[in-house]
Amino acid sequence: MIGKLNHVAIVVPDLPAATALYRDTLGAAVSQPVDLPPHGVTVVFVTLPNTKIELLHPFGDKSPIAGFLEKNPSGGIHHICYEVDDILAARDRLKEQGARVLGDGEPKIGAHDKPVLFLHPKDFCGTLVELEQA
């Protein structure tokens, strides 16, 4: 059901420093910071040959990742994202198997302008999983 790994999202306390680390130390191609107010994050996209990294920093007072950063002041891996061919069929199959879909269970438009869903980490080995329509 799942396809390729789309990205790994890492919450960072200092977005310019994290961007410099990936660009200057690791030699990766990085985007300019992009504010995504509907998602409550500022993101820098790091392009790798086989996948992407998203460096996430809270944007606004109601950022959904602010709590993560409070619990993990140094930052850390927030979620992994897999592509699926049919997000609704994937959701329905997962729900039938007992997996919990976060929110209202309906796909939202994600940072890549594609439908996404998040799955409860307790159902996936302690990992928050994002599914993105391929």
C-alpha atoms as a PDB file:
ATOM      1  CA  MET A   1       0.000   0.000   0.000  1.00  0.00           C
ATOM      2  CA  ILE A   2       2.705   2.521   0.898  1.00  0.00           C
ATOM      3  CA  GLY A   3       4.988   3.757  -1.802  1.00  0.00           C
ATOM      4  CA  LYS A   4       8.235   5.604  -1.549  1.00  0.00           C
ATOM      5  CA  LEU A   5       9.420   7.630   1.411  1.00  0.00           C
ATOM      6  CA  ASN A   6       8.444  11.195   0.571  1.00  0.00           C
ATOM      7  CA  HIS A   7      10.192  12.980   3.428  1.00  0.00           C
ATOM      8  CA  VAL A   8      11.381  12.979   7.010  1.00  0.00           C
ATOM      9  CA  ALA A   9      10.268  16.030   9.010  1.00  0.00           C
ATOM     10  CA  ILE A  10      12.599  17.377  11.690  1.00  0.00           C
ATOM     11  CA  VAL A  11      11.511  20.066  14.155  1.00  0.00           C
ATOM     12  CA  VAL A  12      14.339  22.506  14.822  1.00  0.00           C
ATOM     13  CA  PRO A  13      14.685  25.262  17.443  1.00  0.00           C
ATOM     14  CA  ASP A  14      16.875  27.443  15.187  1.00  0.00           C
ATOM     15  CA  LEU A  15      15.866  27.288  11.529  1.00  0.00           C
ATOM     16  CA  PRO A  16      18.765  29.385  10.128  1.00  0.00           C
ATOM     17  CA  ALA A  17      21.324  27.248  12.009  1.00  0.00           C
ATOM     18  CA  ALA A  18      19.687  23.985  10.858  1.00  0.00           C
ATOM     19  CA  THR A  19      19.533  25.271   7.283  1.00  0.00           C
ATOM     20  CA  ALA A  20      23.237  26.171   7.395  1.00  0.00           C
ATOM     21  CA  LEU A  21      24.076  22.751   8.818  1.00  0.00           C
ATOM     22  CA  TYR A  22      22.369  20.928   5.964  1.00  0.00           C
ATOM     23  CA  ARG A  23      23.615  23.356   3.286  1.00  0.00           C
ATOM     24  CA  ASP A  24      27.163  24.127   4.430  1.00  0.00           C
ATOM     25  CA  THR A  25      28.194  21.091   6.459  1.00  0.00           C
ATOM     26  CA  LEU A  26      26.322  18.324   4.643  1.00  0.00           C
ATOM     27  CA  GLY A  27      26.322  19.948   1.185  1.00  0.00           C
ATOM     28  CA  ALA A  28      22.592  19.524   0.534  1.00  0.00           C
ATOM     29  CA  ALA A  29      20.400  21.730  -1.641  1.00  0.00           C
ATOM     30  CA  VAL A  30      18.061  23.730   0.603  1.00  0.00           C
ATOM     31  CA  SER A  31      15.148  26.043  -0.158  1.00  0.00           C
ATOM     32  CA  GLN A  32      14.486  29.446   1.266  1.00  0.00           C
ATOM     33  CA  PRO A  33      12.259  29.359   4.358  1.00  0.00           C
ATOM     34  CA  VAL A  34       8.574  29.104   3.480  1.00  0.00           C
ATOM     35  CA  ASP A  35       5.939  30.275   5.948  1.00  0.00           C
ATOM     36  CA  LEU A  36       2.876  28.025   5.925  1.00  0.00           C
ATOM     37  CA  PRO A  37       0.411  29.847   8.203  1.00  0.00           C
ATOM     38  CA  PRO A  38      -2.418  27.305   7.717  1.00  0.00           C
ATOM     39  CA  HIS A  39      -0.061  24.589   9.016  1.00  0.00           C
ATOM     40  CA  GLY A  40       1.530  26.716  11.759  1.00  0.00           C
ATOM     41  CA  VAL A  41       5.064  26.085  10.516  1.00  0.00           C
ATOM     42  CA  THR A  42       7.918  27.632   8.632  1.00  0.00           C
ATOM     43  CA  VAL A  43       9.641  24.991   6.530  1.00  0.00           C
ATOM     44  CA  VAL A  44      12.921  24.647   4.687  1.00  0.00           C
ATOM     45  CA  PHE A  45      12.915  21.858   2.122  1.00  0.00           C
ATOM     46  CA  VAL A  46      16.147  19.869   1.851  1.00  0.00           C
ATOM     47  CA  THR A  47      16.442  17.930  -1.399  1.00  0.00           C
ATOM     48  CA  LEU A  48      18.378  14.669  -1.376  1.00  0.00           C
ATOM     49  CA  PRO A  49      18.927  12.265  -4.290  1.00  0.00           C
ATOM     50  CA  ASN A  50      16.414   9.715  -2.955  1.00  0.00           C
ATOM     51  CA  THR A  51      14.019  11.714  -0.718  1.00  0.00           C
ATOM     52  CA  LYS A  52      13.514  15.028   1.070  1.00  0.00           C
ATOM     53  CA  ILE A  53      13.986  16.406   4.564  1.00  0.00           C
ATOM     54  CA  GLU A  54      11.650  19.070   5.913  1.00  0.00           C
ATOM     55  CA  LEU A  55      13.131  21.326   8.580  1.00  0.00           C
ATOM     56  CA  LEU A  56      10.153  22.606  10.584  1.00  0.00           C
ATOM     57  CA  HIS A  57       9.987  25.577  12.937  1.00  0.00           C
ATOM     58  CA  PRO A  58       6.868  26.891  14.710  1.00  0.00           C
ATOM     59  CA  PHE A  59       5.006  29.728  12.995  1.00  0.00           C
ATOM     60  CA  GLY A  60       2.471  31.686  15.019  1.00  0.00           C
ATOM     61  CA  ASP A  61       1.063  31.244  18.500  1.00  0.00           C
ATOM     62  CA  LYS A  62      -0.967  28.122  17.711  1.00  0.00           C
ATOM     63  CA  SER A  63       1.683  26.068  15.949  1.00  0.00           C
ATOM     64  CA  PRO A  64       0.998  22.328  16.251  1.00  0.00           C
ATOM     65  CA  ILE A  65       4.731  21.668  16.682  1.00  0.00           C
ATOM     66  CA  ALA A  66       5.324  24.144  19.532  1.00  0.00           C
ATOM     67  CA  GLY A  67       4.531  21.477  22.121  1.00  0.00           C
ATOM     68  CA  PHE A  68       6.962  19.075  20.466  1.00  0.00           C
ATOM     69  CA  LEU A  69       9.714  21.671  20.723  1.00  0.00           C
ATOM     70  CA  GLU A  70       8.863  22.384  24.376  1.00  0.00           C
ATOM     71  CA  LYS A  71       9.268  18.666  25.174  1.00  0.00           C
ATOM     72  CA  ASN A  72      12.338  18.347  22.938  1.00  0.00           C
ATOM     73  CA  PRO A  73      14.215  21.683  23.157  1.00  0.00           C
ATOM     74  CA  SER A  74      16.991  20.455  20.856  1.00  0.00           C
ATOM     75  CA  GLY A  75      14.438  19.419  18.228  1.00  0.00           C
ATOM     76  CA  GLY A  76      14.162  16.007  16.646  1.00  0.00           C
ATOM     77  CA  ILE A  77      12.372  13.828  14.133  1.00  0.00           C
ATOM     78  CA  HIS A  78       8.692  14.744  14.126  1.00  0.00           C
ATOM     79  CA  HIS A  79       7.231  12.438  11.460  1.00  0.00           C
ATOM     80  CA  ILE A  80       7.903  10.396   8.367  1.00  0.00           C
ATOM     81  CA  CYS A  81       5.833  10.675   5.202  1.00  0.00           C
ATOM     82  CA  TYR A  82       5.011   7.865   2.794  1.00  0.00           C
ATOM     83  CA  GLU A  83       3.334   8.254  -0.555  1.00  0.00           C
ATOM     84  CA  VAL A  84       0.154   6.331  -1.377  1.00  0.00           C
ATOM     85  CA  ASP A  85      -1.587   6.016  -4.737  1.00  0.00           C
ATOM     86  CA  ASP A  86      -5.086   6.496  -3.322  1.00  0.00           C
ATOM     87  CA  ILE A  87      -5.253   8.282   0.030  1.00  0.00           C
ATOM     88  CA  LEU A  88      -8.935   7.527   0.623  1.00  0.00           C
ATOM     89  CA  ALA A  89      -8.513   3.806  -0.090  1.00  0.00           C
ATOM     90  CA  ALA A  90      -5.424   3.769   2.155  1.00  0.00           C
ATOM     91  CA  ARG A  91      -7.337   5.528   4.942  1.00  0.00           C
ATOM     92  CA  ASP A  92     -10.268   3.136   4.694  1.00  0.00           C
ATOM     93  CA  ARG A  93      -8.029   0.068   4.690  1.00  0.00           C
ATOM     94  CA  LEU A  94      -6.040   1.305   7.687  1.00  0.00           C
ATOM     95  CA  LYS A  95      -9.177   2.171   9.658  1.00  0.00           C
ATOM     96  CA  GLU A  96     -10.591  -1.300   8.936  1.00  0.00           C
ATOM     97  CA  GLN A  97      -7.400  -2.717  10.452  1.00  0.00           C
ATOM     98  CA  GLY A  98      -7.758  -0.583  13.584  1.00  0.00           C
ATOM     99  CA  ALA A  99      -5.347   2.248  12.830  1.00  0.00           C
ATOM    100  CA  ARG A 100      -6.338   5.675  14.106  1.00  0.00           C
ATOM    101  CA  VAL A 101      -6.389   8.597  11.703  1.00  0.00           C
ATOM    102  CA  LEU A 102      -5.771  11.910  13.451  1.00  0.00           C
ATOM    103  CA  GLY A 103      -8.111  14.883  13.150  1.00  0.00           C
ATOM    104  CA  ASP A 104     -11.482  14.377  11.541  1.00  0.00           C
ATOM    105  CA  GLY A 105     -10.185  11.595   9.288  1.00  0.00           C
ATOM    106  CA  GLU A 106     -10.530  13.641   6.116  1.00  0.00           C
ATOM    107  CA  PRO A 107      -7.454  14.512   4.039  1.00  0.00           C
ATOM    108  CA  LYS A 108      -6.129  18.062   4.273  1.00  0.00           C
ATOM    109  CA  ILE A 109      -3.939  19.825   1.729  1.00  0.00           C
ATOM    110  CA  GLY A 110      -0.326  19.517   2.881  1.00  0.00           C
ATOM    111  CA  ALA A 111       2.831  21.526   2.321  1.00  0.00           C
ATOM    112  CA  HIS A 112       3.264  20.055  -1.177  1.00  0.00           C
ATOM    113  CA  ASP A 113      -0.310  20.996  -2.204  1.00  0.00           C
ATOM    114  CA  LYS A 114      -1.397  17.343  -2.111  1.00  0.00           C
ATOM    115  CA  PRO A 115      -3.902  15.594   0.174  1.00  0.00           C
ATOM    116  CA  VAL A 116      -2.384  14.256   3.417  1.00  0.00           C
ATOM    117  CA  LEU A 117      -3.455  12.359   6.529  1.00  0.00           C
ATOM    118  CA  PHE A 118      -1.644  11.676   9.795  1.00  0.00           C
ATOM    119  CA  LEU A 119      -1.758   8.345  11.630  1.00  0.00           C
ATOM    120  CA  HIS A 120      -1.539   7.969  15.399  1.00  0.00           C
ATOM    121  CA  PRO A 121       2.017   7.203  16.556  1.00  0.00           C
ATOM    122  CA  LYS A 122       0.819   4.609  19.080  1.00  0.00           C
ATOM    123  CA  ASP A 123      -0.372   2.503  16.144  1.00  0.00           C
ATOM    124  CA  PHE A 124       2.977   2.735  14.292  1.00  0.00           C
ATOM    125  CA  CYS A 125       5.802   1.862  16.677  1.00  0.00           C
ATOM    126  CA  GLY A 126       5.823   5.299  18.307  1.00  0.00           C
ATOM    127  CA  THR A 127       6.208   7.117  14.993  1.00  0.00           C
ATOM    128  CA  LEU A 128       3.877   9.803  13.678  1.00  0.00           C
ATOM    129  CA  VAL A 129       3.185   8.780  10.076  1.00  0.00           C
ATOM    130  CA  GLU A 130       1.971  11.092   7.342  1.00  0.00           C
ATOM    131  CA  LEU A 131       0.419   9.679   4.189  1.00  0.00           C
ATOM    132  CA  GLU A 132       0.534  11.841   1.070  1.00  0.00           C
ATOM    133  CA  GLN A 133      -1.327  11.294  -2.184  1.00  0.00           C
ATOM    134  CA  ALA A 134       1.289  10.476  -4.844  1.00  0.00           C
END
